[in-house]
Amino acid sequence: MAAQDSLETLMREMPPRPGDGVTVDWAAVEAAWGLEFPPDFKGFVARYGEDFLDEDLSVIVPTEVTPQTCDEPGAPLGGMGFITADARATWAITEPTGLDAVPEDLVAWGAASSADLYCWLTQGEPAGWPVVVFSHGDDTWTRFGYGMTEFLCRVIQADAGVQPMHQIPLWGRSVS
């Protein structure tokens, strides 16, 4: 499924609520991070913002960090930077097997109240970054061979390809 198709499917399956979208200065954010974010993520943020399905999953919206928007000195990448640092430290501690990556390849895009972490492996072109999820319950990482919006579509449609996610509140929550 192409990224644009998966975003359109997601919007059909779980329509965004009015006023949910967030405007991001992508040029400033990408300059701060030194990378380009995936187009489906940008589209998701514009339509859904941070909370997806009543806060079951918080999507981390990157911000242009200034002294006015950052409550921690020395945190140039804001909340997304903190969660990414946590994900990278967790990766290093848990030493995932069968995944060819180093901690610096991770960028976190979401977190759940269960302390699960949702990340990209930033290998290759941003549109092709696969999702990796850290399950806090059993301290394991799972790689999914598709991007963020396709991953979310598959979860809400209870797709067998994302069976490891069957216990999260989004599982099978499609409205269609």
N, C-alpha and C. Protein backbone atom coordinates (compact mmCIF):
# COMPACT_ATOMS: atom_id res chain seq x y z
N MET A 1 0.86 -1.18 0.00
CA MET A 1 0.00 0.00 0.00
C MET A 1 0.90 1.23 0.00
N ALA A 2 0.69 2.15 -0.92
CA ALA A 2 1.48 3.38 -0.97
C ALA A 2 1.13 4.27 0.21
N ALA A 3 2.07 5.10 0.63
CA ALA A 3 1.87 5.96 1.80
C ALA A 3 0.62 6.82 1.68
N GLN A 4 0.42 7.45 0.51
CA GLN A 4 -0.77 8.30 0.34
C GLN A 4 -2.04 7.45 0.42
N ASP A 5 -2.02 6.26 -0.17
CA ASP A 5 -3.18 5.38 -0.09
C ASP A 5 -3.47 4.98 1.34
N SER A 6 -2.43 4.69 2.11
CA SER A 6 -2.65 4.27 3.50
C SER A 6 -3.19 5.42 4.34
N LEU A 7 -2.76 6.64 4.08
CA LEU A 7 -3.30 7.79 4.81
C LEU A 7 -4.78 7.99 4.46
N GLU A 8 -5.11 7.87 3.18
CA GLU A 8 -6.52 8.00 2.78
C GLU A 8 -7.37 6.89 3.38
N THR A 9 -6.84 5.67 3.41
CA THR A 9 -7.55 4.55 4.02
C THR A 9 -7.75 4.80 5.51
N LEU A 10 -6.72 5.26 6.16
CA LEU A 10 -6.80 5.55 7.59
C LEU A 10 -7.86 6.62 7.86
N MET A 11 -7.90 7.64 7.04
CA MET A 11 -8.88 8.71 7.23
C MET A 11 -10.30 8.19 7.01
N ARG A 12 -10.46 7.24 6.13
CA ARG A 12 -11.77 6.64 5.88
C ARG A 12 -12.17 5.71 7.04
N GLU A 13 -11.21 4.94 7.52
CA GLU A 13 -11.46 3.97 8.58
C GLU A 13 -11.63 4.62 9.96
N MET A 14 -10.85 5.65 10.21
CA MET A 14 -10.88 6.38 11.49
C MET A 14 -10.83 7.87 11.19
N PRO A 15 -11.95 8.46 10.82
CA PRO A 15 -11.93 9.87 10.42
C PRO A 15 -11.38 10.78 11.52
N PRO A 16 -10.53 11.73 11.13
CA PRO A 16 -10.03 12.67 12.13
C PRO A 16 -11.19 13.53 12.65
N ARG A 17 -11.06 13.95 13.89
CA ARG A 17 -12.07 14.85 14.47
C ARG A 17 -11.77 16.27 14.02
N PRO A 18 -12.79 17.09 13.91
CA PRO A 18 -12.56 18.49 13.52
C PRO A 18 -11.58 19.16 14.49
N GLY A 19 -10.63 19.87 13.92
CA GLY A 19 -9.66 20.60 14.72
C GLY A 19 -8.49 19.79 15.24
N ASP A 20 -8.38 18.52 14.84
CA ASP A 20 -7.31 17.66 15.36
C ASP A 20 -5.93 17.95 14.75
N GLY A 21 -5.87 18.42 13.54
CA GLY A 21 -4.59 18.58 12.86
C GLY A 21 -3.70 19.62 13.50
N VAL A 22 -2.41 19.50 13.23
CA VAL A 22 -1.41 20.42 13.75
C VAL A 22 -0.56 20.92 12.59
N THR A 23 -0.25 22.20 12.62
CA THR A 23 0.63 22.79 11.62
C THR A 23 2.06 22.75 12.15
N VAL A 24 2.96 22.26 11.32
CA VAL A 24 4.36 22.13 11.71
C VAL A 24 5.21 22.88 10.68
N ASP A 25 6.21 23.59 11.15
CA ASP A 25 7.19 24.22 10.26
C ASP A 25 8.20 23.13 9.91
N TRP A 26 7.87 22.35 8.88
CA TRP A 26 8.69 21.19 8.54
C TRP A 26 10.11 21.56 8.16
N ALA A 27 10.31 22.68 7.50
CA ALA A 27 11.67 23.08 7.12
C ALA A 27 12.53 23.28 8.36
N ALA A 28 12.00 23.95 9.38
CA ALA A 28 12.75 24.20 10.61
C ALA A 28 12.98 22.89 11.38
N VAL A 29 11.94 22.06 11.48
CA VAL A 29 12.05 20.80 12.22
C VAL A 29 13.06 19.88 11.53
N GLU A 30 12.96 19.75 10.23
CA GLU A 30 13.88 18.86 9.51
C GLU A 30 15.32 19.38 9.57
N ALA A 31 15.48 20.69 9.57
CA ALA A 31 16.83 21.25 9.72
C ALA A 31 17.38 20.91 11.11
N ALA A 32 16.55 21.02 12.14
CA ALA A 32 16.99 20.70 13.50
C ALA A 32 17.37 19.22 13.64
N TRP A 33 16.58 18.35 13.02
CA TRP A 33 16.83 16.92 13.10
C TRP A 33 17.90 16.45 12.11
N GLY A 34 18.13 17.21 11.06
CA GLY A 34 19.09 16.79 10.04
C GLY A 34 18.58 15.64 9.20
N LEU A 35 17.27 15.52 9.08
CA LEU A 35 16.66 14.48 8.25
C LEU A 35 15.29 14.95 7.77
N GLU A 36 14.81 14.26 6.75
CA GLU A 36 13.48 14.53 6.22
C GLU A 36 12.52 13.50 6.80
N PHE A 37 11.36 13.96 7.25
CA PHE A 37 10.36 13.04 7.80
C PHE A 37 9.51 12.44 6.68
N PRO A 38 8.97 11.24 6.91
CA PRO A 38 8.16 10.58 5.87
C PRO A 38 6.92 11.39 5.50
N PRO A 39 6.55 11.37 4.23
CA PRO A 39 5.39 12.15 3.78
C PRO A 39 4.08 11.70 4.43
N ASP A 40 3.91 10.41 4.71
CA ASP A 40 2.66 9.98 5.34
C ASP A 40 2.56 10.51 6.77
N PHE A 41 3.70 10.63 7.46
CA PHE A 41 3.72 11.20 8.80
C PHE A 41 3.30 12.66 8.76
N LYS A 42 3.85 13.40 7.80
CA LYS A 42 3.49 14.81 7.67
C LYS A 42 1.99 14.96 7.42
N GLY A 43 1.46 14.12 6.54
CA GLY A 43 0.02 14.16 6.26
C GLY A 43 -0.81 13.77 7.48
N PHE A 44 -0.35 12.77 8.22
CA PHE A 44 -1.04 12.34 9.44
C PHE A 44 -1.10 13.49 10.44
N VAL A 45 0.03 14.12 10.70
CA VAL A 45 0.10 15.22 11.67
C VAL A 45 -0.83 16.36 11.26
N ALA A 46 -0.88 16.67 9.97
CA ALA A 46 -1.74 17.75 9.49
C ALA A 46 -3.22 17.45 9.71
N ARG A 47 -3.58 16.16 9.75
CA ARG A 47 -4.99 15.78 9.88
C ARG A 47 -5.38 15.33 11.28
N TYR A 48 -4.48 14.65 11.98
CA TYR A 48 -4.80 14.06 13.28
C TYR A 48 -4.14 14.75 14.47
N GLY A 49 -2.99 15.35 14.27
CA GLY A 49 -2.27 15.93 15.40
C GLY A 49 -1.63 14.85 16.26
N GLU A 50 -1.71 15.02 17.58
CA GLU A 50 -0.97 14.15 18.49
C GLU A 50 -1.74 12.93 18.98
N ASP A 51 -2.98 13.06 19.29
CA ASP A 51 -3.71 11.95 19.89
C ASP A 51 -4.50 11.20 18.84
N PHE A 52 -4.39 9.89 18.86
CA PHE A 52 -5.08 9.05 17.91
C PHE A 52 -5.99 8.12 18.69
N LEU A 53 -7.26 8.20 18.41
CA LEU A 53 -8.27 7.36 19.06
C LEU A 53 -8.26 7.56 20.58
N ASP A 54 -8.69 8.73 20.98
CA ASP A 54 -8.85 9.03 22.40
C ASP A 54 -7.61 8.74 23.24
N GLU A 55 -6.48 9.13 22.73
CA GLU A 55 -5.21 9.05 23.45
C GLU A 55 -4.71 7.63 23.71
N ASP A 56 -5.25 6.62 23.01
CA ASP A 56 -4.69 5.27 23.13
C ASP A 56 -3.25 5.26 22.64
N LEU A 57 -2.98 6.07 21.65
CA LEU A 57 -1.65 6.18 21.09
C LEU A 57 -1.35 7.65 20.89
N SER A 58 -0.30 8.13 21.51
CA SER A 58 0.12 9.51 21.32
C SER A 58 1.18 9.55 20.24
N VAL A 59 0.88 10.28 19.19
CA VAL A 59 1.84 10.49 18.12
C VAL A 59 2.64 11.74 18.52
N ILE A 60 3.93 11.64 18.42
CA ILE A 60 4.79 12.74 18.85
C ILE A 60 4.99 13.70 17.70
N VAL A 61 4.47 14.88 17.85
CA VAL A 61 4.60 15.91 16.82
C VAL A 61 5.90 16.66 17.06
N PRO A 62 6.79 16.66 16.07
CA PRO A 62 8.04 17.40 16.25
C PRO A 62 7.77 18.90 16.25
N THR A 63 8.54 19.62 17.03
CA THR A 63 8.37 21.06 17.11
C THR A 63 9.69 21.74 16.80
N GLU A 64 9.56 22.99 16.43
CA GLU A 64 10.74 23.84 16.31
C GLU A 64 11.01 24.32 17.72
N VAL A 65 12.08 23.86 18.30
CA VAL A 65 12.35 24.14 19.70
C VAL A 65 13.04 25.49 19.85
N THR A 66 12.45 26.29 20.70
CA THR A 66 13.00 27.61 21.03
C THR A 66 13.04 27.69 22.56
N PRO A 67 13.69 28.70 23.11
CA PRO A 67 13.65 28.83 24.58
C PRO A 67 12.21 28.90 25.12
N GLN A 68 11.27 29.38 24.32
CA GLN A 68 9.88 29.47 24.76
C GLN A 68 9.15 28.13 24.70
N THR A 69 9.60 27.21 23.87
CA THR A 69 8.88 25.94 23.72
C THR A 69 9.61 24.76 24.37
N CYS A 70 10.73 25.02 24.98
CA CYS A 70 11.50 23.92 25.57
C CYS A 70 11.68 24.17 27.06
N ASP A 71 11.22 23.23 27.87
CA ASP A 71 11.34 23.39 29.31
C ASP A 71 12.61 22.75 29.87
N GLU A 72 13.42 22.18 29.02
CA GLU A 72 14.67 21.55 29.47
C GLU A 72 15.85 22.16 28.73
N PRO A 73 16.76 22.80 29.45
CA PRO A 73 17.96 23.31 28.78
C PRO A 73 18.71 22.18 28.09
N GLY A 74 19.21 22.44 26.91
CA GLY A 74 19.99 21.45 26.19
C GLY A 74 19.15 20.39 25.50
N ALA A 75 17.87 20.66 25.29
CA ALA A 75 16.99 19.69 24.63
C ALA A 75 16.56 20.25 23.28
N PRO A 76 17.47 20.30 22.31
CA PRO A 76 17.16 20.96 21.05
C PRO A 76 16.12 20.25 20.19
N LEU A 77 15.75 19.03 20.50
CA LEU A 77 14.79 18.31 19.67
C LEU A 77 13.46 18.09 20.38
N GLY A 78 13.24 18.73 21.51
CA GLY A 78 11.96 18.69 22.20
C GLY A 78 11.53 17.30 22.64
N GLY A 79 10.21 17.13 22.80
CA GLY A 79 9.65 15.87 23.28
C GLY A 79 9.99 14.69 22.41
N MET A 80 9.97 14.89 21.09
CA MET A 80 10.32 13.80 20.18
C MET A 80 11.77 13.38 20.40
N GLY A 81 12.61 14.35 20.70
CA GLY A 81 14.00 14.04 20.99
C GLY A 81 14.17 13.23 22.26
N PHE A 82 13.40 13.58 23.30
CA PHE A 82 13.46 12.83 24.56
C PHE A 82 13.00 11.39 24.37
N ILE A 83 11.88 11.20 23.67
CA ILE A 83 11.36 9.84 23.46
C ILE A 83 12.31 9.05 22.56
N THR A 84 12.87 9.71 21.56
CA THR A 84 13.84 9.03 20.70
C THR A 84 15.07 8.61 21.49
N ALA A 85 15.55 9.48 22.37
CA ALA A 85 16.69 9.12 23.22
C ALA A 85 16.35 7.91 24.10
N ASP A 86 15.12 7.88 24.62
CA ASP A 86 14.68 6.75 25.43
C ASP A 86 14.64 5.47 24.58
N ALA A 87 14.09 5.58 23.37
CA ALA A 87 14.02 4.42 22.48
C ALA A 87 15.41 3.90 22.14
N ARG A 88 16.33 4.81 21.86
CA ARG A 88 17.70 4.40 21.53
C ARG A 88 18.38 3.73 22.71
N ALA A 89 18.17 4.26 23.91
CA ALA A 89 18.75 3.64 25.11
C ALA A 89 18.13 2.27 25.35
N THR A 90 16.83 2.16 25.13
CA THR A 90 16.14 0.87 25.30
C THR A 90 16.66 -0.14 24.29
N TRP A 91 16.86 0.30 23.05
CA TRP A 91 17.41 -0.57 22.00
C TRP A 91 18.77 -1.11 22.43
N ALA A 92 19.62 -0.22 22.93
CA ALA A 92 20.97 -0.62 23.34
C ALA A 92 20.93 -1.61 24.51
N ILE A 93 20.02 -1.41 25.43
CA ILE A 93 19.92 -2.28 26.61
C ILE A 93 19.33 -3.64 26.25
N THR A 94 18.30 -3.64 25.41
CA THR A 94 17.60 -4.89 25.10
C THR A 94 18.28 -5.70 24.02
N GLU A 95 19.19 -5.10 23.28
CA GLU A 95 19.96 -5.78 22.24
C GLU A 95 19.08 -6.67 21.36
N PRO A 96 18.20 -6.06 20.55
CA PRO A 96 17.30 -6.85 19.71
C PRO A 96 18.06 -7.76 18.75
N THR A 97 17.55 -8.96 18.58
CA THR A 97 18.18 -9.90 17.66
C THR A 97 17.40 -9.92 16.35
N GLY A 98 18.11 -10.18 15.28
CA GLY A 98 17.48 -10.29 13.98
C GLY A 98 17.13 -8.97 13.33
N LEU A 99 17.53 -7.86 13.93
CA LEU A 99 17.26 -6.54 13.35
C LEU A 99 18.59 -5.86 13.09
N ASP A 100 18.85 -5.58 11.82
CA ASP A 100 20.12 -5.00 11.42
C ASP A 100 20.06 -3.48 11.54
N ALA A 101 20.36 -2.98 12.72
CA ALA A 101 20.31 -1.54 12.97
C ALA A 101 21.11 -1.23 14.22
N VAL A 102 21.43 0.04 14.35
CA VAL A 102 22.08 0.55 15.55
C VAL A 102 21.12 1.55 16.19
N PRO A 103 21.29 1.86 17.48
CA PRO A 103 20.36 2.77 18.14
C PRO A 103 20.14 4.10 17.40
N GLU A 104 21.19 4.61 16.78
CA GLU A 104 21.08 5.90 16.08
C GLU A 104 20.16 5.84 14.86
N ASP A 105 19.80 4.63 14.42
CA ASP A 105 18.87 4.47 13.29
C ASP A 105 17.42 4.71 13.70
N LEU A 106 17.16 4.77 15.00
CA LEU A 106 15.78 4.93 15.48
C LEU A 106 15.37 6.38 15.62
N VAL A 107 14.13 6.68 15.24
CA VAL A 107 13.46 7.93 15.57
C VAL A 107 12.07 7.54 16.03
N ALA A 108 11.70 7.96 17.23
CA ALA A 108 10.40 7.63 17.79
C ALA A 108 9.32 8.55 17.22
N TRP A 109 8.18 7.95 16.82
CA TRP A 109 7.06 8.75 16.34
C TRP A 109 5.83 8.61 17.22
N GLY A 110 5.85 7.66 18.16
CA GLY A 110 4.69 7.50 19.02
C GLY A 110 5.01 6.75 20.29
N ALA A 111 4.09 6.86 21.25
CA ALA A 111 4.21 6.16 22.52
C ALA A 111 2.82 5.86 23.03
N ALA A 112 2.71 4.81 23.79
CA ALA A 112 1.43 4.41 24.37
C ALA A 112 1.52 4.50 25.89
N SER A 113 0.36 4.56 26.53
CA SER A 113 0.32 4.63 27.99
C SER A 113 0.94 3.39 28.62
N SER A 114 1.05 2.30 27.85
CA SER A 114 1.68 1.07 28.33
C SER A 114 3.20 1.14 28.31
N ALA A 115 3.76 2.26 27.88
CA ALA A 115 5.20 2.49 27.74
C ALA A 115 5.76 1.83 26.49
N ASP A 116 4.90 1.33 25.60
CA ASP A 116 5.38 0.82 24.31
C ASP A 116 5.87 2.00 23.48
N LEU A 117 6.90 1.76 22.67
CA LEU A 117 7.49 2.81 21.84
C LEU A 117 7.31 2.45 20.37
N TYR A 118 6.92 3.42 19.57
CA TYR A 118 6.70 3.26 18.14
C TYR A 118 7.74 4.11 17.42
N CYS A 119 8.55 3.46 16.59
CA CYS A 119 9.69 4.13 15.97
C CYS A 119 9.77 3.81 14.48
N TRP A 120 10.63 4.55 13.81
CA TRP A 120 11.05 4.21 12.46
C TRP A 120 12.49 3.73 12.54
N LEU A 121 12.85 2.85 11.63
CA LEU A 121 14.26 2.60 11.33
C LEU A 121 14.58 3.52 10.17
N THR A 122 15.41 4.50 10.40
CA THR A 122 15.67 5.54 9.41
C THR A 122 16.74 5.10 8.40
N GLN A 123 16.46 4.01 7.74
CA GLN A 123 17.37 3.47 6.73
C GLN A 123 16.72 3.64 5.36
N GLY A 124 17.45 4.25 4.43
CA GLY A 124 16.91 4.47 3.10
C GLY A 124 16.08 5.75 3.03
N GLU A 125 15.21 5.81 2.04
CA GLU A 125 14.36 6.99 1.83
C GLU A 125 13.26 7.04 2.90
N PRO A 126 12.92 8.24 3.39
CA PRO A 126 11.91 8.36 4.44
C PRO A 126 10.58 7.68 4.12
N ALA A 127 10.14 7.72 2.88
CA ALA A 127 8.87 7.09 2.52
C ALA A 127 8.92 5.58 2.71
N GLY A 128 10.11 5.00 2.80
CA GLY A 128 10.25 3.56 2.96
C GLY A 128 10.69 3.12 4.35
N TRP A 129 10.74 4.06 5.31
CA TRP A 129 11.18 3.68 6.65
C TRP A 129 10.19 2.70 7.27
N PRO A 130 10.68 1.54 7.70
CA PRO A 130 9.79 0.60 8.38
C PRO A 130 9.55 1.00 9.83
N VAL A 131 8.44 0.55 10.36
CA VAL A 131 8.10 0.76 11.76
C VAL A 131 8.71 -0.36 12.59
N VAL A 132 9.24 0.01 13.75
CA VAL A 132 9.65 -0.97 14.76
C VAL A 132 8.95 -0.58 16.06
N VAL A 133 8.48 -1.57 16.77
CA VAL A 133 7.74 -1.32 18.01
C VAL A 133 8.42 -2.05 19.15
N PHE A 134 8.62 -1.32 20.24
CA PHE A 134 9.11 -1.93 21.47
C PHE A 134 7.92 -2.21 22.36
N SER A 135 7.73 -3.47 22.68
CA SER A 135 6.66 -3.90 23.58
C SER A 135 7.23 -3.97 25.00
N HIS A 136 6.79 -3.05 25.83
CA HIS A 136 7.29 -2.98 27.20
C HIS A 136 6.92 -4.22 28.01
N GLY A 137 5.79 -4.82 27.69
CA GLY A 137 5.33 -5.99 28.43
C GLY A 137 6.28 -7.17 28.38
N ASP A 138 6.91 -7.38 27.23
CA ASP A 138 7.85 -8.51 27.14
C ASP A 138 9.24 -8.08 26.68
N ASP A 139 9.50 -6.78 26.68
CA ASP A 139 10.82 -6.24 26.32
C ASP A 139 11.33 -6.75 24.98
N THR A 140 10.47 -6.73 23.98
CA THR A 140 10.87 -7.16 22.65
C THR A 140 10.62 -6.07 21.62
N TRP A 141 11.38 -6.13 20.57
CA TRP A 141 11.23 -5.24 19.41
C TRP A 141 10.66 -6.07 18.26
N THR A 142 9.71 -5.48 17.53
CA THR A 142 9.16 -6.14 16.35
C THR A 142 9.25 -5.16 15.19
N ARG A 143 9.75 -5.67 14.06
CA ARG A 143 9.87 -4.85 12.85
C ARG A 143 8.70 -5.16 11.93
N PHE A 144 8.12 -4.11 11.37
CA PHE A 144 7.04 -4.23 10.39
C PHE A 144 7.54 -3.60 9.10
N GLY A 145 7.33 -4.24 7.98
CA GLY A 145 7.92 -3.82 6.72
C GLY A 145 7.16 -2.72 6.00
N TYR A 146 6.60 -1.79 6.72
CA TYR A 146 5.85 -0.70 6.10
C TYR A 146 5.88 0.51 7.03
N GLY A 147 5.42 1.62 6.50
CA GLY A 147 5.47 2.88 7.22
C GLY A 147 4.36 3.06 8.24
N MET A 148 4.37 4.22 8.84
CA MET A 148 3.50 4.53 9.97
C MET A 148 2.01 4.41 9.65
N THR A 149 1.54 5.07 8.60
CA THR A 149 0.09 5.05 8.35
C THR A 149 -0.39 3.68 7.91
N GLU A 150 0.42 2.95 7.14
CA GLU A 150 0.01 1.60 6.78
C GLU A 150 -0.02 0.71 8.02
N PHE A 151 0.95 0.89 8.90
CA PHE A 151 0.96 0.15 10.15
C PHE A 151 -0.33 0.42 10.93
N LEU A 152 -0.70 1.69 11.08
CA LEU A 152 -1.92 2.03 11.82
C LEU A 152 -3.16 1.47 11.14
N CYS A 153 -3.21 1.53 9.81
CA CYS A 153 -4.34 0.93 9.07
C CYS A 153 -4.46 -0.55 9.40
N ARG A 154 -3.36 -1.24 9.34
CA ARG A 154 -3.38 -2.69 9.59
C ARG A 154 -3.80 -3.01 11.02
N VAL A 155 -3.38 -2.20 11.97
CA VAL A 155 -3.77 -2.43 13.37
C VAL A 155 -5.27 -2.24 13.54
N ILE A 156 -5.82 -1.13 13.04
CA ILE A 156 -7.25 -0.89 13.26
C ILE A 156 -8.12 -1.85 12.45
N GLN A 157 -7.55 -2.44 11.40
CA GLN A 157 -8.29 -3.44 10.61
C GLN A 157 -8.05 -4.86 11.14
N ALA A 158 -7.30 -5.00 12.21
CA ALA A 158 -6.97 -6.30 12.81
C ALA A 158 -6.35 -7.24 11.77
N ASP A 159 -5.42 -6.72 11.01
CA ASP A 159 -4.72 -7.48 9.98
C ASP A 159 -3.79 -8.51 10.62
N ALA A 160 -3.79 -9.72 10.10
CA ALA A 160 -2.96 -10.79 10.65
C ALA A 160 -1.47 -10.44 10.60
N GLY A 161 -1.06 -9.57 9.69
CA GLY A 161 0.35 -9.19 9.57
C GLY A 161 0.86 -8.38 10.75
N VAL A 162 -0.04 -7.85 11.55
CA VAL A 162 0.36 -7.09 12.74
C VAL A 162 -0.16 -7.77 14.01
N GLN A 163 -0.30 -9.07 13.96
CA GLN A 163 -0.81 -9.85 15.09
C GLN A 163 -0.11 -9.54 16.41
N PRO A 164 1.20 -9.25 16.41
CA PRO A 164 1.82 -8.91 17.70
C PRO A 164 1.17 -7.70 18.39
N MET A 165 0.38 -6.92 17.67
CA MET A 165 -0.24 -5.73 18.23
C MET A 165 -1.66 -6.00 18.72
N HIS A 166 -2.09 -7.24 18.76
CA HIS A 166 -3.49 -7.55 19.05
C HIS A 166 -3.97 -7.13 20.43
N GLN A 167 -3.08 -6.84 21.35
CA GLN A 167 -3.51 -6.46 22.69
C GLN A 167 -3.60 -4.95 22.89
N ILE A 168 -3.24 -4.16 21.90
CA ILE A 168 -3.33 -2.72 22.11
C ILE A 168 -4.77 -2.25 21.84
N PRO A 169 -5.19 -1.15 22.46
CA PRO A 169 -6.57 -0.69 22.32
C PRO A 169 -7.00 -0.37 20.89
N LEU A 170 -6.07 -0.09 19.99
CA LEU A 170 -6.43 0.23 18.61
C LEU A 170 -6.80 -1.00 17.78
N TRP A 171 -6.47 -2.18 18.26
CA TRP A 171 -6.69 -3.41 17.49
C TRP A 171 -8.15 -3.55 17.10
N GLY A 172 -8.38 -3.61 15.77
CA GLY A 172 -9.72 -3.85 15.25
C GLY A 172 -10.70 -2.72 15.48
N ARG A 173 -10.23 -1.49 15.65
CA ARG A 173 -11.11 -0.38 15.96
C ARG A 173 -11.61 0.39 14.74
N SER A 174 -11.51 -0.18 13.58
CA SER A 174 -11.99 0.47 12.36
C SER A 174 -13.48 0.78 12.50
N VAL A 175 -13.91 1.93 11.96
CA VAL A 175 -15.33 2.30 12.01
C VAL A 175 -16.08 1.81 10.80
N SER A 176 -15.40 1.30 9.78
CA SER A 176 -16.13 0.84 8.59
C SER A 176 -16.37 -0.64 8.61
